[in-house]
Amino acid sequence: MGRRSFDVVDLLELFTHWEAGRSQSQIADSLNLDRKTVRKYTAPLVQRGLGPDSLIWPRVGGSTWPHHRCRQVEA
């Protein structure tokens, strides 16, 4: 498969699956991506010691993270 461009929405979907604790293989299968592509985008977060359960988006993305908004609405 050749190179493919990503929209921000595609990356947010990848990170949503990652935050849910799915494996790289599960994410790749769900989003029709290569495992290496999933690793490429999650590796910088893992290198900084951030994991799916670390709730990075309130710190990094502020209120732009969809789950963060949903939690505020549900509360």
N, C-alpha and C. Protein backbone atom coordinates (compact mmCIF):
# COMPACT_ATOMS: atom_id res chain seq x y z
N MET A 1 0.85 -1.17 0.00
CA MET A 1 0.00 0.00 0.00
C MET A 1 0.90 1.23 0.00
N GLY A 2 0.51 2.24 -0.76
CA GLY A 2 1.28 3.47 -0.84
C GLY A 2 0.96 4.41 0.30
N ARG A 3 1.56 5.58 0.21
CA ARG A 3 1.31 6.58 1.25
C ARG A 3 -0.13 7.04 1.20
N ARG A 4 -0.62 7.42 2.35
CA ARG A 4 -2.00 7.87 2.47
C ARG A 4 -2.02 9.09 3.36
N SER A 5 -2.79 10.08 3.05
CA SER A 5 -2.85 11.27 3.90
C SER A 5 -3.88 11.04 5.01
N PHE A 6 -3.68 11.74 6.11
CA PHE A 6 -4.56 11.64 7.26
C PHE A 6 -5.20 12.98 7.53
N ASP A 7 -6.44 12.94 7.91
CA ASP A 7 -7.11 14.13 8.43
C ASP A 7 -6.96 14.09 9.95
N VAL A 8 -7.19 15.22 10.58
CA VAL A 8 -7.13 15.27 12.04
C VAL A 8 -8.14 14.30 12.63
N VAL A 9 -9.29 14.17 12.00
CA VAL A 9 -10.32 13.26 12.49
C VAL A 9 -9.81 11.82 12.51
N ASP A 10 -9.04 11.44 11.49
CA ASP A 10 -8.47 10.10 11.45
C ASP A 10 -7.53 9.86 12.62
N LEU A 11 -6.70 10.85 12.91
CA LEU A 11 -5.78 10.71 14.04
C LEU A 11 -6.54 10.68 15.36
N LEU A 12 -7.56 11.49 15.49
CA LEU A 12 -8.36 11.46 16.71
C LEU A 12 -9.02 10.10 16.90
N GLU A 13 -9.46 9.51 15.81
CA GLU A 13 -10.05 8.17 15.90
C GLU A 13 -9.01 7.15 16.34
N LEU A 14 -7.80 7.26 15.79
CA LEU A 14 -6.71 6.37 16.20
C LEU A 14 -6.45 6.52 17.69
N PHE A 15 -6.34 7.77 18.16
CA PHE A 15 -6.06 8.00 19.57
C PHE A 15 -7.23 7.59 20.47
N THR A 16 -8.45 7.67 19.96
CA THR A 16 -9.61 7.21 20.72
C THR A 16 -9.52 5.71 20.97
N HIS A 17 -9.18 4.96 19.93
CA HIS A 17 -9.00 3.51 20.09
C HIS A 17 -7.85 3.22 21.05
N TRP A 18 -6.77 3.99 20.92
CA TRP A 18 -5.59 3.79 21.77
C TRP A 18 -5.94 4.09 23.23
N GLU A 19 -6.68 5.18 23.44
CA GLU A 19 -7.08 5.54 24.80
C GLU A 19 -7.98 4.48 25.42
N ALA A 20 -8.75 3.79 24.59
CA ALA A 20 -9.64 2.74 25.07
C ALA A 20 -8.88 1.47 25.45
N GLY A 21 -7.57 1.46 25.18
CA GLY A 21 -6.75 0.32 25.58
C GLY A 21 -6.63 -0.77 24.54
N ARG A 22 -7.02 -0.49 23.32
CA ARG A 22 -6.91 -1.50 22.26
C ARG A 22 -5.45 -1.69 21.86
N SER A 23 -5.15 -2.89 21.39
CA SER A 23 -3.79 -3.19 20.94
C SER A 23 -3.56 -2.55 19.57
N GLN A 24 -2.28 -2.48 19.19
CA GLN A 24 -1.95 -1.93 17.88
C GLN A 24 -2.60 -2.73 16.77
N SER A 25 -2.63 -4.04 16.92
CA SER A 25 -3.26 -4.89 15.90
C SER A 25 -4.76 -4.61 15.79
N GLN A 26 -5.42 -4.46 16.93
CA GLN A 26 -6.86 -4.17 16.91
C GLN A 26 -7.14 -2.82 16.27
N ILE A 27 -6.31 -1.82 16.61
CA ILE A 27 -6.49 -0.49 16.03
C ILE A 27 -6.28 -0.55 14.52
N ALA A 28 -5.21 -1.21 14.12
CA ALA A 28 -4.89 -1.32 12.69
C ALA A 28 -6.03 -2.00 11.93
N ASP A 29 -6.56 -3.07 12.47
CA ASP A 29 -7.66 -3.78 11.82
C ASP A 29 -8.92 -2.92 11.76
N SER A 30 -9.23 -2.23 12.85
CA SER A 30 -10.45 -1.42 12.91
C SER A 30 -10.41 -0.24 11.93
N LEU A 31 -9.23 0.36 11.79
CA LEU A 31 -9.11 1.57 10.97
C LEU A 31 -8.51 1.32 9.60
N ASN A 32 -8.28 0.05 9.28
CA ASN A 32 -7.70 -0.32 8.00
C ASN A 32 -6.34 0.35 7.79
N LEU A 33 -5.49 0.27 8.82
CA LEU A 33 -4.15 0.82 8.78
C LEU A 33 -3.13 -0.29 8.99
N ASP A 34 -1.90 0.01 8.68
CA ASP A 34 -0.81 -0.91 8.97
C ASP A 34 -0.41 -0.74 10.44
N ARG A 35 0.03 -1.82 11.06
CA ARG A 35 0.46 -1.73 12.47
C ARG A 35 1.61 -0.74 12.63
N LYS A 36 2.48 -0.65 11.63
CA LYS A 36 3.60 0.28 11.71
C LYS A 36 3.11 1.73 11.74
N THR A 37 2.03 2.01 11.05
CA THR A 37 1.46 3.35 11.05
C THR A 37 0.90 3.67 12.43
N VAL A 38 0.22 2.72 13.03
CA VAL A 38 -0.32 2.92 14.38
C VAL A 38 0.83 3.17 15.35
N ARG A 39 1.88 2.37 15.24
CA ARG A 39 3.04 2.53 16.11
C ARG A 39 3.69 3.90 15.89
N LYS A 40 3.75 4.37 14.65
CA LYS A 40 4.36 5.66 14.33
C LYS A 40 3.69 6.80 15.10
N TYR A 41 2.38 6.75 15.20
CA TYR A 41 1.65 7.84 15.85
C TYR A 41 1.49 7.66 17.36
N THR A 42 1.58 6.46 17.86
CA THR A 42 1.47 6.26 19.31
C THR A 42 2.84 6.23 20.00
N ALA A 43 3.90 5.93 19.27
CA ALA A 43 5.24 5.81 19.87
C ALA A 43 5.70 7.08 20.58
N PRO A 44 5.52 8.29 20.02
CA PRO A 44 5.96 9.49 20.75
C PRO A 44 5.28 9.66 22.11
N LEU A 45 4.02 9.25 22.20
CA LEU A 45 3.31 9.34 23.47
C LEU A 45 3.87 8.34 24.47
N VAL A 46 4.11 7.13 24.00
CA VAL A 46 4.65 6.08 24.87
C VAL A 46 6.06 6.45 25.34
N GLN A 47 6.86 7.04 24.46
CA GLN A 47 8.22 7.45 24.83
C GLN A 47 8.21 8.50 25.93
N ARG A 48 7.18 9.30 25.98
CA ARG A 48 7.07 10.33 27.02
C ARG A 48 6.44 9.78 28.30
N GLY A 49 6.20 8.48 28.31
CA GLY A 49 5.66 7.85 29.50
C GLY A 49 4.15 7.96 29.62
N LEU A 50 3.51 8.33 28.54
CA LEU A 50 2.06 8.46 28.55
C LEU A 50 1.44 7.18 28.05
N GLY A 51 0.40 6.74 28.71
CA GLY A 51 -0.29 5.53 28.31
C GLY A 51 -1.74 5.81 28.05
N PRO A 52 -2.46 4.82 27.58
CA PRO A 52 -3.88 5.02 27.29
C PRO A 52 -4.68 5.49 28.51
N ASP A 53 -4.23 5.17 29.70
CA ASP A 53 -4.97 5.55 30.90
C ASP A 53 -4.48 6.84 31.53
N SER A 54 -3.57 7.56 30.88
CA SER A 54 -2.97 8.73 31.50
C SER A 54 -3.76 10.02 31.29
N LEU A 55 -4.84 9.94 30.53
CA LEU A 55 -5.69 11.12 30.29
C LEU A 55 -4.87 12.31 29.82
N ILE A 56 -4.13 12.13 28.74
CA ILE A 56 -3.25 13.19 28.25
C ILE A 56 -4.01 14.33 27.60
N TRP A 57 -5.16 14.07 27.04
CA TRP A 57 -5.80 15.11 26.23
C TRP A 57 -6.31 16.29 27.02
N PRO A 58 -6.75 16.15 28.25
CA PRO A 58 -7.08 17.37 28.99
C PRO A 58 -5.87 18.28 29.15
N ARG A 59 -4.65 17.68 29.23
CA ARG A 59 -3.44 18.49 29.35
C ARG A 59 -2.94 18.97 28.00
N VAL A 60 -2.93 18.09 27.01
CA VAL A 60 -2.35 18.42 25.71
C VAL A 60 -3.36 19.09 24.80
N GLY A 61 -4.54 18.53 24.70
CA GLY A 61 -5.51 19.03 23.73
C GLY A 61 -6.57 19.93 24.32
N GLY A 62 -6.57 20.08 25.62
CA GLY A 62 -7.58 20.91 26.24
C GLY A 62 -8.97 20.35 26.02
N SER A 63 -9.90 21.20 25.74
CA SER A 63 -11.28 20.76 25.58
C SER A 63 -11.57 20.25 24.17
N THR A 64 -10.54 20.11 23.34
CA THR A 64 -10.78 19.66 21.97
C THR A 64 -10.93 18.16 21.88
N TRP A 65 -10.59 17.44 22.92
CA TRP A 65 -10.70 15.98 22.87
C TRP A 65 -12.16 15.60 23.06
N PRO A 66 -12.73 14.81 22.15
CA PRO A 66 -14.17 14.51 22.20
C PRO A 66 -14.65 13.90 23.51
N HIS A 67 -13.90 12.96 24.07
CA HIS A 67 -14.35 12.33 25.31
C HIS A 67 -14.38 13.33 26.45
N HIS A 68 -13.46 14.28 26.42
CA HIS A 68 -13.43 15.29 27.46
C HIS A 68 -14.72 16.11 27.41
N ARG A 69 -15.16 16.46 26.22
CA ARG A 69 -16.42 17.19 26.07
C ARG A 69 -17.60 16.35 26.53
N CYS A 70 -17.61 15.08 26.14
CA CYS A 70 -18.72 14.20 26.50
C CYS A 70 -18.85 14.06 28.01
N ARG A 71 -17.72 13.95 28.68
CA ARG A 71 -17.77 13.83 30.14
C ARG A 71 -18.36 15.08 30.77
N GLN A 72 -18.03 16.25 30.21
CA GLN A 72 -18.58 17.49 30.75
C GLN A 72 -20.08 17.55 30.53
N VAL A 73 -20.54 17.09 29.39
CA VAL A 73 -21.97 17.13 29.09
C VAL A 73 -22.73 16.16 29.98
N GLU A 74 -22.15 14.97 30.21
CA GLU A 74 -22.83 13.96 31.00
C GLU A 74 -22.88 14.30 32.48
N ALA A 75 -21.93 15.08 32.95
CA ALA A 75 -21.82 15.36 34.38
C ALA A 75 -22.94 16.24 34.89
